[in-house]
Structure formats: C-alpha cells, structure tokens
Amino acid sequence: MLLVAMNLRLSVTAITPLFTVIRKYLAINNTVMALLVTIPLICFAVGSIVAPQLIQMLGIRTTLLVTTSLLVLANIIRPLNVMTLLLGTLIAGLAIALLNITVPTMIVQIAPNHPTRLTSYYSLTMNIIAAIGTATAIPIASRFNWQVVLILFAIPAIIAWFGTLLLAPKTHHIGNQQQSQNLVKLLSTFKHDPVARQLALFMGLQSLIFYTLTTWLPAIYQASGANSETAGMLLSLFQFVGVPASLLLNLLTSQRQILRWLLTGYGLGMALMAWSGIGWWLSAIVLGFTCVLMFSIALNLIATSSQDTATITSRSAIAQSLGYLLAAVGPIFIGQLQSLANTWIVPLIFLTILMGLTIFIGFKIAKT
C-alpha cells in the first residue's frame, strides 16, 4: 500500500516547478501548461467511476500491476513532444485515478478497525515523495534537463510494480458481496445518500484549493516580488511541511477539533501572503500543512463513513469522481479570474471564501 502511495501525487504536482522551462522549450502557452494539472484531475473524476468495477473484476493485485505499468509508460513518453506530454499526462491521470480508489479499499481490508492510522501513513508516504520530487525537480533539470526529471518520475511506479509481484495471485480480491459499481449505480447512490453528496463536495473543494495553490503559488509569489528561484523554493516548502501533518491524525481523535484548527490554518495562511519576505515563507508553511491535513481528513471521513466495505468503496468513488471534477475547474478558473482582474487579490479572496465553505461542510460530515 505504501509503495503504491508513492505514486499518487508525484507525477501531477512535482511537475509544476518545471512549468517555466517546459513552456519555453516547447513554445506553449499558459493554458496548455494549466492542462498538465487539469487533465489529471478530470481523469481522477472519470477513472473513479470505473475503478470499483475493475477492482472487483481483476482483484487488487492485477489492478495494481496494470496501473503501475501505465504510470511507467506515461512518464517515459511525456518528455518527447507536446502531444506525448499531454497524452502521457492523460495516461498517468487515469492510472492514478484507479489507485485513488484502490488504496482506501486496501485500508478497509487490511485494518478495518484502524483506518485512521493507515490513512495517515498512506498520506505521509504520498506527500514525502511528492515533496522530494518538487524540491529536486529544478536542481536535476539544471544538472541534466527537464526531460530527465519526468522520466525519473517512473521510478516509484517501477518499485511499486515489483512490490505488487510479491502479493499472492489471489490476494486482496473483493468478496462476492462487493457489488460492481457503474455510472447508473453511482448516480443512484449520489441521489439517495446525503453523506456521499457531502463527501463529494468536501473532497472537491479541498482538492480545488490544493491544486489551485500548487499551480499558481509560484506566480502569486513572483507577483509579490519574489524571484523565480525563491518562488520554486516556496512551492517545495509548501509540499514539504505537509509531511508531519499526515501523522497528526494519529494524535487527534476528534474530527471536528481538527477542522477547527484547519479553519485557523486556512485564514492565517492566506493573510500571511500579504506580508512580503518572511510572510511568504510563513504562508507556504501554514498553507502546506493545512492543505495536506485537509486531504488526510477527507480520506479519513470517507474511511470512517461506514462499517461496510461496499458502501465505503461506492462513497469513495463518488467523492473522488465528482470531487475531482469540481477541482479540475480550479486552476483554469483562478487563472482566468486573475487575467480579468489583472491582480491576484480577487482570486485569493475567492479562494478564502471557498476555504470557509469547505470547513463548514466538513463539520456537517464529522461524527466526532
């Protein structure tokens, strides 16, 4: 599970520090660059619909072998040209979408009585690898080139593929009681299950906030006076400081208590962005910590929403499919809003309002 978790964010978020050099090398505009984040989010939405059925049909072992193979292929072909960059991003997005549903299902099967602990370890692993990738992308690109960086993103997928081979062929099959999920069934569940709707909105809003910040934080800091190198370091810090946040779930037993702290983190992080210099670093720390913990609590809310594996799988598919579909509009919409307003103040105010709405929905879902 932890080997798989290494791949769930790396190929999407660690590429953002390379946007400037890729755009210049391939002569593409900002809209195409934004697609490198938006395409995976759309894939997360679409792929999540078919994931439960594939898991039941193939079993977790075969599903993992297929998806990690696709990730290796995607990262190898991405650097070739503009078309393969977009195609590889599409393939990687679909593979990660399947893994996003597979891992929570594994958590329920491995430790149904301790979902919080495994969720925190899974989130911790995912964020450590993504943060390392973000921090080393520019140095490696400077030493070699950006194409080498994208190819290196395939290494965790190769490791996970070999790790999956160690599983017994019949290991981790979903039982016969697990009914396959198709679009009609998922929509029916969405219609009749208010918890599923709330989880989808919560997952969508927190993902929209995270991926929008991941995409535009360097530009926001540069607009405030930071140079490109400093902006890249701030983005790396934004991801690195989230690592200990994943372990915080093991220390706090109250979901609502965590959400209260997250509300403070969102507000403080956005306010600190107005303070140049040290304020940039403090905002990156606070926002990075808050966003990662938001993702962890989103996974925890899904994993603890029911005692039934089939219900959790269905709700996870709904939350991630519709949630990521909502999140996909974030980077492009905020970018367009900035272009229209010709300032980052308006988009940042809008994001702050969404942060408050996300916490409000989280309180409605939380049981403790």
Protein backbone atom coordinates (compact mmCIF):
# COMPACT_ATOMS: atom_id res chain seq x y z
CA MET A 1 0.00 0.00 0.00
CA LEU A 2 2.79 2.42 0.90
CA LEU A 3 4.72 1.63 -2.29
CA VAL A 4 1.61 2.46 -4.29
CA ALA A 5 1.09 5.65 -2.27
CA MET A 6 4.43 6.98 -3.54
CA ASN A 7 2.85 7.50 -6.95
CA LEU A 8 -0.41 9.24 -6.09
CA ARG A 9 0.76 12.84 -6.35
CA LEU A 10 4.31 12.88 -7.75
CA SER A 11 3.51 12.97 -11.49
CA VAL A 12 0.95 15.76 -11.05
CA THR A 13 2.37 18.20 -8.52
CA ALA A 14 6.14 17.79 -8.88
CA ILE A 15 6.00 18.98 -12.49
CA THR A 16 4.79 22.49 -11.60
CA PRO A 17 8.25 23.93 -10.77
CA LEU A 18 9.26 23.00 -14.34
CA PHE A 19 6.43 24.95 -15.97
CA THR A 20 8.63 27.88 -16.99
CA VAL A 21 11.35 25.79 -18.63
CA ILE A 22 8.85 23.42 -20.32
CA ARG A 23 6.81 26.33 -21.68
CA LYS A 24 9.94 27.96 -23.10
CA TYR A 25 11.36 24.71 -24.54
CA LEU A 26 8.13 23.54 -26.21
CA ALA A 27 6.87 27.06 -27.03
CA ILE A 28 3.43 26.54 -25.47
CA ASN A 29 1.16 28.98 -23.63
CA ASN A 30 -0.11 29.09 -20.05
CA THR A 31 -3.41 27.44 -20.96
CA VAL A 32 -1.63 24.30 -22.18
CA MET A 33 0.56 24.35 -19.08
CA ALA A 34 -2.52 24.51 -16.83
CA LEU A 35 -3.78 21.38 -18.60
CA LEU A 36 -0.89 19.43 -17.07
CA VAL A 37 -2.70 19.80 -13.75
CA THR A 38 -6.29 19.96 -15.02
CA ILE A 39 -6.14 16.79 -17.18
CA PRO A 40 -5.19 14.51 -14.26
CA LEU A 41 -8.00 15.98 -12.15
CA ILE A 42 -10.53 15.22 -14.90
CA CYS A 43 -9.04 11.73 -15.15
CA PHE A 44 -9.44 11.31 -11.40
CA ALA A 45 -13.13 12.10 -11.85
CA VAL A 46 -13.75 9.78 -14.81
CA GLY A 47 -11.45 6.97 -13.68
CA SER A 48 -13.00 6.83 -10.23
CA ILE A 49 -16.31 5.74 -11.76
CA VAL A 50 -14.91 2.56 -13.29
CA ALA A 51 -12.42 1.79 -10.52
CA PRO A 52 -14.75 -0.18 -8.19
CA GLN A 53 -15.86 -2.46 -11.02
CA LEU A 54 -12.27 -3.05 -12.16
CA ILE A 55 -11.17 -3.83 -8.61
CA GLN A 56 -13.88 -6.46 -8.31
CA MET A 57 -13.27 -7.95 -11.75
CA LEU A 58 -9.47 -8.04 -11.64
CA GLY A 59 -8.68 -8.04 -7.94
CA ILE A 60 -6.38 -5.53 -6.32
CA ARG A 61 -3.15 -7.30 -7.34
CA THR A 62 -3.88 -7.25 -11.09
CA THR A 63 -5.28 -3.73 -10.86
CA LEU A 64 -2.05 -2.54 -9.24
CA LEU A 65 0.11 -4.26 -11.86
CA VAL A 66 -1.82 -2.63 -14.70
CA THR A 67 -1.92 0.85 -13.22
CA THR A 68 1.74 0.96 -12.21
CA SER A 69 2.70 -0.27 -15.70
CA LEU A 70 0.68 2.59 -17.19
CA LEU A 71 2.44 5.07 -14.91
CA VAL A 72 5.85 3.85 -16.07
CA LEU A 73 4.80 4.18 -19.71
CA ALA A 74 3.27 7.63 -19.17
CA ASN A 75 6.35 9.14 -17.54
CA ILE A 76 8.69 7.74 -20.17
CA ILE A 77 6.78 9.19 -23.15
CA ARG A 78 5.89 12.58 -21.63
CA PRO A 79 9.15 14.40 -22.48
CA LEU A 80 9.12 13.59 -26.22
CA ASN A 81 6.95 16.43 -27.56
CA VAL A 82 3.80 18.43 -26.85
CA MET A 83 1.46 15.63 -27.95
CA THR A 84 3.15 12.95 -25.86
CA LEU A 85 3.37 15.39 -22.94
CA LEU A 86 -0.41 15.72 -22.95
CA LEU A 87 -1.01 12.03 -23.77
CA GLY A 88 1.33 10.88 -21.03
CA THR A 89 -0.39 13.23 -18.60
CA LEU A 90 -3.73 11.69 -19.59
CA ILE A 91 -2.47 8.12 -19.09
CA ALA A 92 -0.86 9.00 -15.75
CA GLY A 93 -4.06 10.69 -14.61
CA LEU A 94 -6.18 7.63 -15.42
CA ALA A 95 -3.74 5.30 -13.64
CA ILE A 96 -3.65 7.45 -10.51
CA ALA A 97 -7.44 7.70 -10.57
CA LEU A 98 -7.67 3.92 -10.27
CA LEU A 99 -5.10 3.91 -7.48
CA ASN A 100 -7.01 6.62 -5.60
CA ILE A 101 -9.90 4.17 -5.17
CA THR A 102 -7.76 1.06 -4.72
CA VAL A 103 -5.82 2.30 -1.69
CA PRO A 104 -8.83 3.18 0.55
CA THR A 105 -10.28 -0.24 -0.31
CA MET A 106 -6.99 -1.88 0.75
CA ILE A 107 -7.06 0.08 4.01
CA VAL A 108 -10.51 -1.27 4.90
CA GLN A 109 -9.42 -4.84 4.14
CA ILE A 110 -6.03 -4.66 5.86
CA ALA A 111 -7.10 -2.90 9.06
CA PRO A 112 -10.84 -2.29 9.27
CA ASN A 113 -10.52 -1.32 12.94
CA HIS A 114 -7.68 1.15 12.44
CA PRO A 115 -8.42 3.13 9.24
CA THR A 116 -7.09 6.41 10.66
CA ARG A 117 -3.59 5.05 11.29
CA LEU A 118 -3.17 3.55 7.82
CA THR A 119 -4.70 6.64 6.20
CA SER A 120 -2.11 8.84 7.90
CA TYR A 121 0.78 6.55 6.83
CA TYR A 122 -0.55 6.46 3.27
CA SER A 123 -0.90 10.25 3.14
CA LEU A 124 2.53 10.67 4.74
CA THR A 125 4.24 8.49 2.14
CA MET A 126 2.44 10.20 -0.74
CA ASN A 127 3.45 13.67 0.43
CA ILE A 128 7.07 12.81 1.24
CA ILE A 129 7.68 11.52 -2.29
CA ALA A 130 5.81 14.43 -3.89
CA ALA A 131 7.76 16.94 -1.79
CA ILE A 132 11.09 15.32 -2.68
CA GLY A 133 10.12 15.40 -6.35
CA THR A 134 9.16 19.07 -6.16
CA ALA A 135 12.34 20.05 -4.29
CA THR A 136 14.69 18.19 -6.64
CA ALA A 137 12.97 18.96 -9.96
CA ILE A 138 14.78 22.26 -10.62
CA PRO A 139 18.26 21.09 -9.44
CA ILE A 140 18.05 17.91 -11.54
CA ALA A 141 16.74 19.86 -14.56
CA SER A 142 19.63 22.31 -14.17
CA ARG A 143 22.17 19.49 -13.91
CA PHE A 144 20.70 17.48 -16.79
CA ASN A 145 17.40 18.64 -18.35
CA TRP A 146 13.67 18.66 -17.61
CA GLN A 147 13.12 15.53 -19.73
CA VAL A 148 15.26 13.51 -17.33
CA VAL A 149 13.17 14.73 -14.40
CA LEU A 150 9.93 13.45 -15.95
CA ILE A 151 11.47 10.08 -16.76
CA LEU A 152 12.71 9.75 -13.17
CA PHE A 153 9.09 10.07 -12.01
CA ALA A 154 8.67 6.50 -13.32
CA ILE A 155 10.99 5.03 -10.66
CA PRO A 156 8.42 4.86 -7.80
CA ALA A 157 5.97 3.18 -10.20
CA ILE A 158 8.59 0.57 -11.10
CA ILE A 159 9.24 -0.09 -7.41
CA ALA A 160 5.51 -0.45 -6.71
CA TRP A 161 5.15 -2.82 -9.69
CA PHE A 162 7.83 -5.17 -8.33
CA GLY A 163 6.36 -4.88 -4.84
CA THR A 164 2.97 -5.93 -6.17
CA LEU A 165 4.52 -9.11 -7.60
CA LEU A 166 5.16 -10.24 -4.04
CA LEU A 167 1.43 -10.46 -3.39
CA ALA A 168 -0.16 -13.86 -3.85
CA PRO A 169 -2.18 -14.05 -7.10
CA LYS A 170 -5.48 -14.23 -5.24
CA THR A 171 -4.56 -11.73 -2.54
CA HIS A 172 -6.90 -8.85 -1.85
CA HIS A 173 -9.80 -9.78 -4.07
CA ILE A 174 -13.01 -8.06 -3.10
CA GLY A 175 -15.53 -10.60 -1.96
CA ASN A 176 -18.67 -11.56 -3.79
CA GLN A 177 -20.68 -9.31 -1.52
CA GLN A 178 -18.96 -6.34 -3.14
CA GLN A 179 -21.29 -5.34 -5.94
CA SER A 180 -19.82 -3.77 -9.02
CA GLN A 181 -20.35 -0.05 -9.37
CA ASN A 182 -21.31 1.53 -12.66
CA LEU A 183 -22.30 5.08 -13.51
CA VAL A 184 -26.03 4.43 -13.01
CA LYS A 185 -25.48 2.86 -9.58
CA LEU A 186 -23.14 5.63 -8.52
CA LEU A 187 -25.60 8.31 -9.57
CA SER A 188 -28.35 6.46 -7.70
CA THR A 189 -26.17 6.35 -4.59
CA PHE A 190 -25.39 10.04 -5.01
CA LYS A 191 -29.11 10.81 -5.25
CA HIS A 192 -30.17 8.81 -2.19
CA ASP A 193 -27.08 9.08 0.02
CA PRO A 194 -26.65 12.57 1.56
CA VAL A 195 -23.32 11.56 3.12
CA ALA A 196 -21.97 10.69 -0.35
CA ARG A 197 -23.00 14.13 -1.62
CA GLN A 198 -21.34 15.88 1.29
CA LEU A 199 -18.16 13.84 0.89
CA ALA A 200 -18.04 14.68 -2.84
CA LEU A 201 -18.36 18.41 -2.16
CA PHE A 202 -15.80 18.32 0.66
CA MET A 203 -13.30 16.32 -1.42
CA GLY A 204 -13.88 18.59 -4.42
CA LEU A 205 -13.40 21.87 -2.60
CA GLN A 206 -10.29 20.84 -0.66
CA SER A 207 -8.79 19.40 -3.87
CA LEU A 208 -9.67 22.56 -5.82
CA ILE A 209 -7.90 24.68 -3.21
CA PHE A 210 -4.80 22.46 -3.07
CA TYR A 211 -4.31 22.05 -6.82
CA THR A 212 -5.04 25.72 -7.50
CA LEU A 213 -2.39 26.75 -4.96
CA THR A 214 0.04 24.15 -6.33
CA THR A 215 -0.43 25.53 -9.84
CA TRP A 216 -0.34 29.27 -9.11
CA LEU A 217 1.65 29.79 -5.90
CA PRO A 218 4.91 30.48 -7.77
CA ALA A 219 3.16 33.09 -9.93
CA ILE A 220 1.49 34.64 -6.87
CA TYR A 221 4.79 34.96 -5.01
CA GLN A 222 6.51 36.33 -8.12
CA ALA A 223 3.78 38.94 -8.49
CA SER A 224 4.55 39.97 -4.90
CA GLY A 225 8.23 40.45 -5.71
CA ALA A 226 9.86 37.03 -5.31
CA ASN A 227 12.25 35.83 -8.00
CA SER A 228 11.64 32.55 -9.85
CA GLU A 229 14.15 30.57 -7.77
CA THR A 230 12.62 31.77 -4.49
CA ALA A 231 9.11 31.04 -5.80
CA GLY A 232 10.16 27.48 -6.64
CA MET A 233 11.66 27.00 -3.18
CA LEU A 234 8.45 28.30 -1.61
CA LEU A 235 6.43 25.75 -3.57
CA SER A 236 8.77 22.99 -2.39
CA LEU A 237 8.34 24.20 1.18
CA PHE A 238 4.56 24.22 0.67
CA GLN A 239 4.73 20.48 -0.04
CA PHE A 240 7.47 19.50 2.43
CA VAL A 241 5.80 20.94 5.53
CA GLY A 242 2.73 18.81 4.88
CA VAL A 243 4.68 15.65 5.73
CA PRO A 244 4.21 15.83 9.54
CA ALA A 245 0.59 16.87 9.03
CA SER A 246 -0.19 13.34 7.87
CA LEU A 247 0.81 11.97 11.28
CA LEU A 248 -1.34 14.45 13.18
CA LEU A 249 -4.43 12.32 12.60
CA ASN A 250 -2.95 9.74 14.97
CA LEU A 251 -2.73 12.35 17.74
CA LEU A 252 -6.15 13.95 17.41
CA THR A 253 -9.23 11.80 17.88
CA SER A 254 -11.83 14.48 17.22
CA GLN A 255 -12.51 15.23 13.56
CA ARG A 256 -14.22 18.49 14.48
CA GLN A 257 -11.25 19.55 16.57
CA ILE A 258 -9.02 19.04 13.54
CA LEU A 259 -11.40 21.07 11.37
CA ARG A 260 -11.29 23.99 13.82
CA TRP A 261 -7.52 24.06 13.56
CA LEU A 262 -7.76 23.80 9.77
CA LEU A 263 -10.05 26.83 9.61
CA THR A 264 -7.42 28.81 11.52
CA GLY A 265 -4.70 27.49 9.23
CA TYR A 266 -6.51 28.49 6.07
CA GLY A 267 -7.22 32.01 7.32
CA LEU A 268 -3.75 32.61 8.73
CA GLY A 269 -2.01 31.22 5.65
CA MET A 270 -3.92 33.46 3.27
CA ALA A 271 -3.37 36.54 5.46
CA LEU A 272 0.39 35.93 5.66
CA MET A 273 0.69 36.04 1.85
CA ALA A 274 0.26 39.82 2.05
CA TRP A 275 3.47 40.09 4.12
CA SER A 276 6.45 40.14 1.76
CA GLY A 277 9.66 38.37 2.65
CA ILE A 278 9.24 36.31 5.82
CA GLY A 279 5.49 36.33 5.26
CA TRP A 280 5.90 34.30 2.05
CA TRP A 281 7.77 31.56 3.93
CA LEU A 282 5.30 31.52 6.80
CA SER A 283 2.34 31.37 4.40
CA ALA A 284 3.89 28.45 2.50
CA ILE A 285 4.42 26.60 5.79
CA VAL A 286 0.92 27.22 7.16
CA LEU A 287 -0.92 26.59 3.89
CA GLY A 288 1.12 23.48 3.07
CA PHE A 289 0.48 22.00 6.49
CA THR A 290 -3.22 22.85 6.32
CA CYS A 291 -3.82 21.56 2.78
CA VAL A 292 -2.17 18.20 3.42
CA LEU A 293 -4.10 17.72 6.65
CA MET A 294 -7.29 18.63 4.76
CA PHE A 295 -6.63 15.82 2.30
CA SER A 296 -5.89 13.41 5.14
CA ILE A 297 -9.12 14.30 6.95
CA ALA A 298 -11.03 13.91 3.66
CA LEU A 299 -9.72 10.35 3.31
CA ASN A 300 -10.46 9.70 6.96
CA LEU A 301 -14.04 10.95 6.63
CA ILE A 302 -14.54 8.53 3.72
CA ALA A 303 -12.92 5.57 5.50
CA THR A 304 -14.97 6.12 8.67
CA SER A 305 -18.28 6.90 6.98
CA SER A 306 -19.44 3.27 7.19
CA GLN A 307 -18.52 -0.19 8.50
CA ASP A 308 -19.39 -1.75 5.16
CA THR A 309 -16.63 -2.13 2.56
CA ALA A 310 -19.05 -1.86 -0.37
CA THR A 311 -20.51 1.38 0.96
CA ILE A 312 -17.06 2.89 1.52
CA THR A 313 -15.93 1.90 -1.98
CA SER A 314 -19.04 3.43 -3.51
CA ARG A 315 -18.79 6.62 -1.49
CA SER A 316 -15.07 6.85 -2.25
CA ALA A 317 -15.78 6.56 -5.98
CA ILE A 318 -18.49 9.23 -5.80
CA ALA A 319 -16.43 11.58 -3.64
CA GLN A 320 -13.38 11.31 -5.84
CA SER A 321 -15.11 11.27 -9.23
CA LEU A 322 -17.42 14.24 -8.65
CA GLY A 323 -14.98 15.86 -6.25
CA TYR A 324 -12.07 15.89 -8.67
CA LEU A 325 -14.38 17.04 -11.46
CA LEU A 326 -15.11 20.10 -9.34
CA ALA A 327 -11.43 20.51 -8.51
CA ALA A 328 -10.47 20.42 -12.20
CA VAL A 329 -12.04 23.82 -12.83
CA GLY A 330 -9.92 25.46 -10.13
CA PRO A 331 -6.54 26.09 -11.81
CA ILE A 332 -8.04 27.33 -15.09
CA PHE A 333 -10.83 29.38 -13.46
CA ILE A 334 -8.49 31.09 -10.99
CA GLY A 335 -6.02 31.79 -13.78
CA GLN A 336 -8.74 33.35 -15.91
CA LEU A 337 -10.03 35.33 -12.92
CA GLN A 338 -6.55 36.73 -12.39
CA SER A 339 -6.32 37.71 -16.04
CA LEU A 340 -9.66 39.52 -15.91
CA ALA A 341 -8.92 41.31 -12.64
CA ASN A 342 -5.25 41.86 -13.53
CA THR A 343 -4.41 41.20 -9.87
CA TRP A 344 -4.15 38.20 -7.55
CA ILE A 345 -6.20 39.89 -4.82
CA VAL A 346 -9.58 38.93 -6.28
CA PRO A 347 -8.70 35.23 -6.87
CA LEU A 348 -7.21 34.97 -3.37
CA ILE A 349 -10.36 36.43 -1.78
CA PHE A 350 -12.44 33.93 -3.75
CA LEU A 351 -10.22 31.05 -2.57
CA THR A 352 -10.56 32.23 1.04
CA ILE A 353 -14.35 32.09 0.77
CA LEU A 354 -14.12 28.54 -0.61
CA MET A 355 -11.91 27.57 2.32
CA GLY A 356 -14.55 28.66 4.79
CA LEU A 357 -17.23 26.75 2.87
CA THR A 358 -15.08 23.59 2.90
CA ILE A 359 -14.71 23.66 6.68
CA PHE A 360 -18.46 24.22 7.10
CA ILE A 361 -19.23 21.10 5.03
CA GLY A 362 -16.62 19.12 6.97
CA PHE A 363 -18.40 19.93 10.24
CA LYS A 364 -21.64 18.55 8.81
CA ILE A 365 -19.94 15.25 7.92
CA ALA A 366 -17.76 14.79 11.02
CA LYS A 367 -19.09 12.33 13.60
CA THR A 368 -16.83 13.31 16.50
